[in-house]
Amino acid sequence: MKRINVVVCIVLAMFSCSKKELVITEIPFELGINNAEPNLVEQDGKLSLSWVNSIRGEKATLLYSQLENGTWKKPTTITSGSDWFVNWADFPANATNGDVLLTSHLQKSASGTYTYDVVLNLRKLNGEIIKENFLLNTDGMKAEHGFVSIIPNEKDGFLITWLDGRNTVKEMEKSHHKAMTIRVAEVSSDGTIFNETQLDGRTCDCCQTSISMTKNGPIIVFRDRSRHEIRDIYFSRRIDNKWSKPAAVYNDDWEINGCPVNGPKIVSNAKNTAVSWFTAANEQPTVKVSFLLDTGSFLEPITINDVEASGRVDIAFISSYEVLVSYMESDANGTYLRCKKVNTNGNVSKAITVSKINSGRSTGVPQLEILNNEAYLVWTISIDEKNQLKSVKFNLDGIN
């Protein structure tokens, strides 16, 4: 009898040792004040972060850093200006391909609230400037252009997608039903913009876009806008060098007369692709995840949130068949930044609470990436009424 008890104790001890306690560790962000609009990217085993340092009504500066040995390196100043459009939802993008870095920011083109252009900067990681402050949109229209997503192209250069308001100026003369479009283009390693294509002539006005490179080529997701104000998540893929007609990831049938400012996020690895998004169809605020089938359609979505979701999602692959999703949700006690594991079989972990979080716009869109079995998140907080970035990490073994 004693022998059995000893064996049981050994097994229990081994089990308890194999489970790691979830510990969320803050990564100090000691790079000045008035920082916001982060964009966190993992590429080739490195974490890159861009953000905007600004004071309302004064000069704005786009900064860039990489994480090395658990510390954010001294930032590189990409560019500055006193005529930028700085916005919590429409934040700058960045991507690297080899030793080349491409960034975006928004610059006012006229006095209207939403008249601004997308400006690009191309440089090497060693600081050498290749091409600076050149326009992505060359339509010449005093309209809204933004919500940029960038990824490295298959060989060199980059793929870039954005929401484009060039047609809204013309449509305003005919109808109040003006609509944004979504476009995609390639940017070469010397800054040449080519193969520009309109994917959809009617999209939601100000939801973030997302682009990813799948095993079968690039895919873009965005929030569509039907003539009946159904604003569901759609996707387009490049097949045989042509972009496919946009189709619904899933028909939530969310009818809403204004933009929810809550875009989707898509991610891919060598085997699978997954997308996460927010919807409030049927007055049920929900975060969903769906995996892409080899047939080119998406699986029935999996609901992630446990209480009322507010979205602002991000997603990253843990392994070939499992993702981590970050999202915001609220209960009677406040709003929280949370994460869950989801695999292709539909299994969902319990939620972990990363932090209690401000539900307002100043929080921005929390950013998630995974590197070496650790999750990294960055978002905006307020300290003494000044914006600052907060970055944390935790080991994925602590999520059950």
Protein backbone atom coordinates (compact mmCIF):
# COMPACT_ATOMS: atom_id res chain seq x y z
CA MET A 1 0.00 0.00 0.00
CA LYS A 2 2.85 2.36 0.88
CA ARG A 3 4.53 1.56 -2.42
CA ILE A 4 1.41 2.58 -4.37
CA ASN A 5 1.20 5.87 -2.45
CA VAL A 6 4.84 6.60 -3.24
CA VAL A 7 4.25 5.99 -6.96
CA VAL A 8 1.19 8.24 -6.91
CA CYS A 9 3.15 11.00 -5.19
CA ILE A 10 5.96 10.75 -7.72
CA VAL A 11 3.51 10.96 -10.64
CA LEU A 12 1.75 13.97 -9.09
CA ALA A 13 5.07 15.67 -8.46
CA MET A 14 6.17 15.09 -12.06
CA PHE A 15 2.85 16.45 -13.33
CA SER A 16 3.08 19.57 -11.18
CA CYS A 17 6.65 20.20 -12.28
CA SER A 18 5.76 19.83 -15.95
CA LYS A 19 3.17 22.61 -15.72
CA LYS A 20 4.71 26.05 -15.78
CA GLU A 21 3.05 28.82 -13.84
CA LEU A 22 1.98 31.71 -16.03
CA VAL A 23 4.15 34.70 -15.23
CA ILE A 24 3.64 37.94 -17.13
CA THR A 25 6.87 39.93 -17.24
CA GLU A 26 7.02 43.60 -18.15
CA ILE A 27 9.71 44.65 -20.63
CA PRO A 28 10.75 48.17 -19.63
CA PHE A 29 10.00 50.80 -22.24
CA GLU A 30 12.31 53.63 -21.25
CA LEU A 31 12.39 55.51 -24.52
CA GLY A 32 10.93 58.89 -23.64
CA ILE A 33 7.30 59.95 -23.19
CA ASN A 34 4.35 60.79 -25.45
CA ASN A 35 4.66 57.47 -27.31
CA ALA A 36 1.65 55.75 -28.93
CA GLU A 37 0.36 53.97 -32.09
CA PRO A 38 2.61 50.87 -31.80
CA ASN A 39 3.01 48.26 -34.53
CA LEU A 40 4.79 45.06 -33.46
CA VAL A 41 6.13 42.68 -36.13
CA GLU A 42 8.03 39.38 -35.98
CA GLN A 43 10.15 38.55 -39.00
CA ASP A 44 13.07 36.13 -39.36
CA GLY A 45 13.33 35.57 -35.63
CA LYS A 46 13.40 39.26 -34.71
CA LEU A 47 10.83 41.52 -33.08
CA SER A 48 10.48 44.99 -34.59
CA LEU A 49 8.43 47.86 -33.20
CA SER A 50 7.44 51.15 -34.77
CA TRP A 51 5.50 53.91 -33.02
CA VAL A 52 4.76 57.63 -33.08
CA ASN A 53 6.12 60.13 -30.59
CA SER A 54 3.99 63.25 -30.64
CA ILE A 55 2.29 66.02 -28.73
CA ARG A 56 -1.05 67.18 -30.09
CA GLY A 57 -0.58 70.15 -32.41
CA GLU A 58 3.20 69.79 -32.49
CA LYS A 59 5.78 67.75 -34.37
CA ALA A 60 5.29 63.99 -34.74
CA THR A 61 8.15 61.52 -35.13
CA LEU A 62 8.11 57.94 -36.39
CA LEU A 63 10.49 55.75 -34.38
CA TYR A 64 11.69 52.18 -34.87
CA SER A 65 13.38 49.68 -32.57
CA GLN A 66 14.16 45.97 -32.29
CA LEU A 67 14.18 43.79 -29.20
CA GLU A 68 17.63 42.43 -28.37
CA ASN A 69 18.41 40.31 -25.30
CA GLY A 70 15.11 41.30 -23.73
CA THR A 71 15.68 45.04 -24.17
CA TRP A 72 14.35 47.57 -26.66
CA LYS A 73 17.32 49.01 -28.53
CA LYS A 74 17.88 52.75 -28.78
CA PRO A 75 15.29 53.82 -31.38
CA THR A 76 16.01 54.94 -34.92
CA THR A 77 14.25 58.10 -36.08
CA ILE A 78 12.65 57.33 -39.43
CA THR A 79 11.11 60.73 -40.17
CA SER A 80 9.31 63.67 -38.56
CA GLY A 81 6.73 66.30 -39.50
CA SER A 82 4.34 68.92 -38.16
CA ASP A 83 1.60 68.13 -40.70
CA TRP A 84 0.85 64.50 -39.88
CA PHE A 85 -2.45 62.79 -39.25
CA VAL A 86 -1.90 60.92 -35.98
CA ASN A 87 -4.70 58.54 -35.01
CA TRP A 88 -5.07 55.68 -32.53
CA ALA A 89 -6.69 53.34 -35.08
CA ASP A 90 -4.79 54.27 -38.25
CA PHE A 91 -1.26 53.65 -37.04
CA PRO A 92 1.98 53.40 -39.06
CA ALA A 93 3.03 50.02 -40.47
CA ASN A 94 6.47 48.47 -40.80
CA ALA A 95 7.99 45.37 -42.40
CA THR A 96 11.47 44.06 -43.14
CA ASN A 97 12.73 41.93 -46.01
CA GLY A 98 16.30 40.89 -45.37
CA ASP A 99 18.13 44.03 -44.30
CA VAL A 100 15.58 46.41 -45.87
CA LEU A 101 12.92 48.20 -43.82
CA LEU A 102 9.73 49.79 -45.20
CA THR A 103 7.58 52.05 -43.03
CA SER A 104 4.43 54.12 -43.54
CA HIS A 105 2.93 57.19 -41.90
CA LEU A 106 0.10 59.60 -42.69
CA GLN A 107 0.57 63.20 -43.84
CA LYS A 108 -2.12 65.83 -44.26
CA SER A 109 -2.80 66.83 -47.86
CA ALA A 110 -5.39 69.54 -47.17
CA SER A 111 -7.26 71.19 -44.31
CA GLY A 112 -10.09 68.64 -44.17
CA THR A 113 -10.17 66.33 -41.15
CA TYR A 114 -9.71 63.20 -43.23
CA THR A 115 -7.62 64.46 -46.12
CA TYR A 116 -4.25 62.76 -45.88
CA ASP A 117 -1.81 60.64 -47.87
CA VAL A 118 0.23 57.54 -47.11
CA VAL A 119 3.95 58.37 -47.03
CA LEU A 120 6.60 55.64 -47.25
CA ASN A 121 10.21 55.45 -46.15
CA LEU A 122 12.65 52.80 -47.33
CA ARG A 123 16.00 52.23 -45.67
CA LYS A 124 18.43 49.54 -44.66
CA LEU A 125 18.55 48.38 -41.06
CA ASN A 126 22.02 49.87 -40.74
CA GLY A 127 20.45 53.30 -41.28
CA GLU A 128 21.32 53.80 -44.94
CA ILE A 129 18.46 55.65 -46.65
CA ILE A 130 17.24 54.12 -49.91
CA LYS A 131 14.24 56.38 -50.60
CA GLU A 132 12.52 58.74 -48.20
CA ASN A 133 9.13 60.38 -47.82
CA PHE A 134 7.54 59.19 -51.08
CA LEU A 135 3.81 58.80 -51.69
CA LEU A 136 2.10 55.44 -51.89
CA ASN A 137 -1.11 56.88 -53.33
CA THR A 138 -0.44 58.87 -56.49
CA ASP A 139 -4.06 59.73 -57.41
CA GLY A 140 -3.63 63.37 -56.43
CA MET A 141 -7.04 63.47 -54.73
CA LYS A 142 -7.54 65.38 -51.50
CA ALA A 143 -9.11 62.43 -49.74
CA GLU A 144 -8.51 59.82 -47.06
CA HIS A 145 -5.78 57.24 -47.60
CA GLY A 146 -4.65 54.98 -44.77
CA PHE A 147 -5.04 51.78 -42.76
CA VAL A 148 -1.89 50.33 -44.26
CA SER A 149 -0.61 46.75 -43.93
CA ILE A 150 2.80 45.62 -45.23
CA ILE A 151 4.54 42.25 -45.55
CA PRO A 152 7.75 41.17 -47.28
CA ASN A 153 7.18 39.95 -50.83
CA GLU A 154 8.06 36.42 -51.88
CA LYS A 155 11.54 37.31 -53.19
CA ASP A 156 12.46 40.89 -52.39
CA GLY A 157 10.54 44.08 -51.88
CA PHE A 158 7.13 44.30 -50.24
CA LEU A 159 3.39 43.87 -50.66
CA ILE A 160 1.29 46.73 -49.33
CA THR A 161 -2.46 47.21 -48.97
CA TRP A 162 -4.48 50.24 -47.87
CA LEU A 163 -7.88 51.89 -47.79
CA ASP A 164 -8.20 54.56 -50.44
CA GLY A 165 -10.77 57.37 -50.63
CA ARG A 166 -10.02 58.68 -54.11
CA ASN A 167 -13.52 57.82 -55.29
CA THR A 168 -15.31 59.40 -52.34
CA VAL A 169 -14.57 62.90 -53.62
CA LYS A 170 -16.28 62.11 -56.93
CA GLU A 171 -19.17 60.25 -55.32
CA MET A 172 -19.92 63.10 -52.92
CA GLU A 173 -20.97 65.16 -55.93
CA LYS A 174 -23.58 62.54 -56.87
CA SER A 175 -24.65 60.81 -53.65
CA HIS A 176 -24.13 60.80 -49.89
CA HIS A 177 -23.31 57.08 -50.08
CA LYS A 178 -19.60 57.67 -50.57
CA ALA A 179 -17.43 54.60 -50.11
CA MET A 180 -13.80 53.78 -49.53
CA THR A 181 -11.94 51.26 -51.68
CA ILE A 182 -9.15 48.85 -50.85
CA ARG A 183 -6.05 48.63 -53.03
CA VAL A 184 -2.87 46.58 -53.13
CA ALA A 185 0.51 47.22 -54.75
CA GLU A 186 4.09 46.01 -54.75
CA VAL A 187 7.04 48.10 -53.59
CA SER A 188 10.45 47.12 -54.94
CA SER A 189 13.64 47.21 -52.87
CA ASP A 190 14.51 50.54 -54.53
CA GLY A 191 11.10 52.10 -53.82
CA THR A 192 9.35 51.61 -57.16
CA ILE A 193 5.60 51.11 -56.75
CA PHE A 194 4.00 48.79 -59.32
CA ASN A 195 1.19 46.31 -59.97
CA GLU A 196 -1.34 48.53 -58.17
CA THR A 197 -4.80 46.93 -58.12
CA GLN A 198 -8.19 47.85 -56.69
CA LEU A 199 -9.54 44.82 -54.81
CA ASP A 200 -12.94 46.12 -53.76
CA GLY A 201 -14.77 49.31 -54.68
CA ARG A 202 -16.84 49.52 -51.49
CA THR A 203 -15.32 48.86 -48.08
CA CYS A 204 -15.88 49.95 -44.51
CA ASP A 205 -14.38 53.39 -43.98
CA CYS A 206 -11.87 52.98 -41.16
CA CYS A 207 -11.29 49.38 -40.12
CA GLN A 208 -7.73 48.11 -40.18
CA THR A 209 -6.62 45.91 -43.08
CA SER A 210 -4.39 42.84 -42.78
CA ILE A 211 -2.19 40.92 -45.22
CA SER A 212 -0.33 37.62 -44.93
CA MET A 213 1.78 35.31 -47.08
CA THR A 214 0.27 31.81 -47.17
CA LYS A 215 1.85 28.65 -48.56
CA ASN A 216 -0.09 29.41 -51.77
CA GLY A 217 0.62 33.13 -52.02
CA PRO A 218 -0.64 36.35 -50.40
CA ILE A 219 -4.07 36.91 -48.89
CA ILE A 220 -5.71 40.14 -47.70
CA VAL A 221 -8.60 40.54 -45.25
CA PHE A 222 -10.70 43.65 -44.63
CA ARG A 223 -14.17 44.76 -43.59
CA ASP A 224 -16.49 44.99 -46.59
CA ARG A 225 -19.52 47.27 -46.91
CA SER A 226 -22.53 46.14 -48.91
CA ARG A 227 -25.18 48.39 -50.42
CA HIS A 228 -27.40 47.34 -47.48
CA GLU A 229 -24.71 48.28 -44.91
CA ILE A 230 -23.71 44.71 -44.10
CA ARG A 231 -20.11 45.02 -42.88
CA ASP A 232 -18.60 41.56 -42.68
CA ILE A 233 -15.00 40.41 -43.11
CA TYR A 234 -13.95 39.60 -46.68
CA PHE A 235 -10.77 38.22 -48.22
CA SER A 236 -8.95 38.22 -51.55
CA ARG A 237 -6.08 35.94 -52.64
CA ARG A 238 -3.50 36.32 -55.38
CA ILE A 239 -3.80 33.30 -57.63
CA ASP A 240 -1.81 33.00 -60.88
CA ASN A 241 -0.76 36.65 -60.48
CA LYS A 242 -4.37 37.85 -60.28
CA TRP A 243 -6.29 38.94 -57.20
CA SER A 244 -9.50 36.99 -56.69
CA LYS A 245 -12.93 38.54 -56.37
CA PRO A 246 -13.45 39.29 -52.66
CA ALA A 247 -15.53 36.74 -50.74
CA ALA A 248 -16.81 36.55 -47.18
CA VAL A 249 -14.70 34.83 -44.56
CA TYR A 250 -18.06 34.21 -42.89
CA ASN A 251 -21.50 35.76 -43.31
CA ASP A 252 -22.11 37.29 -39.91
CA ASP A 253 -24.64 39.63 -41.56
CA TRP A 254 -23.69 42.51 -39.29
CA GLU A 255 -25.76 45.50 -40.37
CA ILE A 256 -24.33 48.75 -39.05
CA ASN A 257 -24.69 52.25 -40.46
CA GLY A 258 -21.27 53.46 -39.32
CA CYS A 259 -17.77 52.07 -39.23
CA PRO A 260 -16.97 50.13 -36.02
CA VAL A 261 -13.23 50.93 -36.35
CA ASN A 262 -12.39 47.31 -35.58
CA GLY A 263 -10.52 45.46 -38.31
CA PRO A 264 -9.52 41.80 -38.75
CA LYS A 265 -6.09 40.21 -38.46
CA ILE A 266 -4.75 37.34 -40.56
CA VAL A 267 -1.64 35.21 -40.01
CA SER A 268 -0.02 32.28 -41.84
CA ASN A 269 2.70 29.68 -41.44
CA ALA A 270 4.00 26.93 -43.72
CA LYS A 271 0.89 24.81 -43.21
CA ASN A 272 -2.09 26.93 -42.15
CA THR A 273 -3.75 30.35 -42.23
CA ALA A 274 -6.04 31.81 -39.58
CA VAL A 275 -8.04 35.01 -39.27
CA SER A 276 -9.58 36.66 -36.22
CA TRP A 277 -12.17 39.43 -36.17
CA PHE A 278 -14.85 41.27 -34.22
CA THR A 279 -18.55 41.39 -35.02
CA ALA A 280 -21.64 42.63 -33.21
CA ALA A 281 -24.20 40.90 -35.43
CA ASN A 282 -27.52 40.27 -33.67
CA GLU A 283 -26.35 42.74 -31.02
CA GLN A 284 -23.86 40.16 -29.70
CA PRO A 285 -20.34 41.66 -29.51
CA THR A 286 -18.14 38.69 -30.38
CA VAL A 287 -14.56 37.78 -31.32
CA LYS A 288 -14.19 34.91 -33.78
CA VAL A 289 -11.41 32.81 -35.30
CA SER A 290 -11.49 30.76 -38.49
CA PHE A 291 -8.91 28.62 -40.29
CA LEU A 292 -8.46 28.53 -44.07
CA LEU A 293 -9.08 25.24 -45.84
CA ASP A 294 -6.99 24.00 -48.76
CA THR A 295 -10.15 24.37 -50.85
CA GLY A 296 -9.81 28.15 -50.48
CA SER A 297 -12.74 28.66 -48.10
CA PHE A 298 -12.78 29.19 -44.36
CA LEU A 299 -13.99 26.81 -41.65
CA GLU A 300 -17.00 27.58 -39.45
CA PRO A 301 -15.73 30.24 -37.02
CA ILE A 302 -14.96 29.61 -33.36
CA THR A 303 -16.17 32.12 -30.77
CA ILE A 304 -13.41 33.26 -28.42
CA ASN A 305 -14.77 35.74 -25.88
CA ASP A 306 -16.50 34.78 -22.62
CA VAL A 307 -18.09 38.15 -21.82
CA GLU A 308 -18.93 41.18 -23.95
CA ALA A 309 -16.16 41.64 -26.50
CA SER A 310 -14.80 44.96 -27.70
CA GLY A 311 -12.46 43.35 -30.24
CA ARG A 312 -9.19 45.05 -31.32
CA VAL A 313 -7.83 41.62 -32.12
CA ASP A 314 -4.45 40.22 -33.00
CA ILE A 315 -3.36 36.65 -33.75
CA ALA A 316 -0.13 34.68 -34.09
CA PHE A 317 0.78 31.03 -34.70
CA ILE A 318 2.18 29.05 -31.79
CA SER A 319 2.73 25.90 -33.85
CA SER A 320 1.63 24.55 -37.22
CA TYR A 321 -1.90 23.91 -35.94
CA GLU A 322 -2.40 26.31 -33.05
CA VAL A 323 -2.74 30.08 -32.70
CA LEU A 324 -2.84 32.57 -29.87
CA VAL A 325 -5.50 35.28 -30.10
CA SER A 326 -5.42 38.56 -28.18
CA TYR A 327 -8.58 40.60 -27.73
CA MET A 328 -10.37 43.03 -25.43
CA GLU A 329 -13.53 42.23 -23.51
CA SER A 330 -15.49 43.85 -20.68
CA ASP A 331 -17.58 42.90 -17.67
CA ALA A 332 -19.08 44.83 -14.78
CA ASN A 333 -15.64 45.30 -13.23
CA GLY A 334 -13.83 46.76 -16.24
CA THR A 335 -12.14 46.01 -19.56
CA TYR A 336 -9.37 43.43 -19.97
CA LEU A 337 -6.74 42.45 -22.50
CA ARG A 338 -6.96 38.66 -22.76
CA CYS A 339 -5.52 35.77 -24.77
CA LYS A 340 -6.64 32.27 -25.71
CA LYS A 341 -5.07 29.36 -27.57
CA VAL A 342 -7.12 27.92 -30.44
CA ASN A 343 -6.20 24.94 -32.62
CA THR A 344 -7.44 23.72 -35.98
CA ASN A 345 -9.54 21.02 -34.29
CA GLY A 346 -11.60 23.70 -32.59
CA ASN A 347 -10.15 23.28 -29.11
CA VAL A 348 -9.97 26.53 -27.13
CA SER A 349 -7.98 27.14 -23.94
CA LYS A 350 -9.14 29.03 -20.89
CA ALA A 351 -8.62 32.77 -21.12
CA ILE A 352 -5.64 34.42 -19.50
CA THR A 353 -5.85 38.03 -18.40
CA VAL A 354 -2.81 39.95 -19.56
CA SER A 355 -3.89 43.24 -18.01
CA LYS A 356 -6.82 45.37 -17.02
CA ILE A 357 -6.95 47.96 -19.77
CA ASN A 358 -8.52 51.29 -20.62
CA SER A 359 -11.45 50.78 -23.00
CA GLY A 360 -10.98 54.17 -24.66
CA ARG A 361 -9.39 55.05 -27.97
CA SER A 362 -6.10 56.06 -26.34
CA THR A 363 -5.32 52.37 -25.73
CA GLY A 364 -5.04 51.84 -29.47
CA VAL A 365 -4.93 48.34 -30.91
CA PRO A 366 -2.85 45.97 -28.72
CA GLN A 367 -0.12 44.21 -30.71
CA LEU A 368 0.77 40.50 -30.38
CA GLU A 369 3.68 38.43 -31.67
CA ILE A 370 5.24 35.09 -30.71
CA LEU A 371 8.93 34.27 -30.63
CA ASN A 372 10.71 31.25 -29.12
CA ASN A 373 7.58 29.99 -27.32
CA GLU A 374 6.95 33.34 -25.69
CA ALA A 375 4.11 35.77 -26.41
CA TYR A 376 4.88 39.49 -26.61
CA LEU A 377 2.24 42.22 -26.37
CA VAL A 378 2.51 46.00 -26.71
CA TRP A 379 -0.20 48.60 -26.17
CA THR A 380 -0.64 52.23 -25.15
CA ILE A 381 -1.25 53.35 -21.57
CA SER A 382 -1.52 56.75 -19.91
CA ILE A 383 0.92 57.93 -17.26
CA ASP A 384 0.28 61.37 -15.74
CA GLU A 385 -2.04 62.08 -18.69
CA LYS A 386 0.75 61.33 -21.17
CA ASN A 387 0.80 58.39 -23.56
CA GLN A 388 3.37 55.66 -23.13
CA LEU A 389 3.89 52.17 -24.50
CA LYS A 390 3.70 49.10 -22.30
CA SER A 391 5.31 45.84 -23.42
CA VAL A 392 5.05 42.46 -21.70
CA LYS A 393 5.88 38.82 -22.37
CA PHE A 394 4.86 35.41 -21.04
CA ASN A 395 5.72 31.80 -21.70
CA LEU A 396 3.10 29.89 -23.67
CA ASP A 397 3.44 26.76 -21.52
CA GLY A 398 1.52 28.60 -18.83
CA ILE A 399 -1.72 28.60 -20.88
CA ASN A 400 -3.86 25.48 -20.41
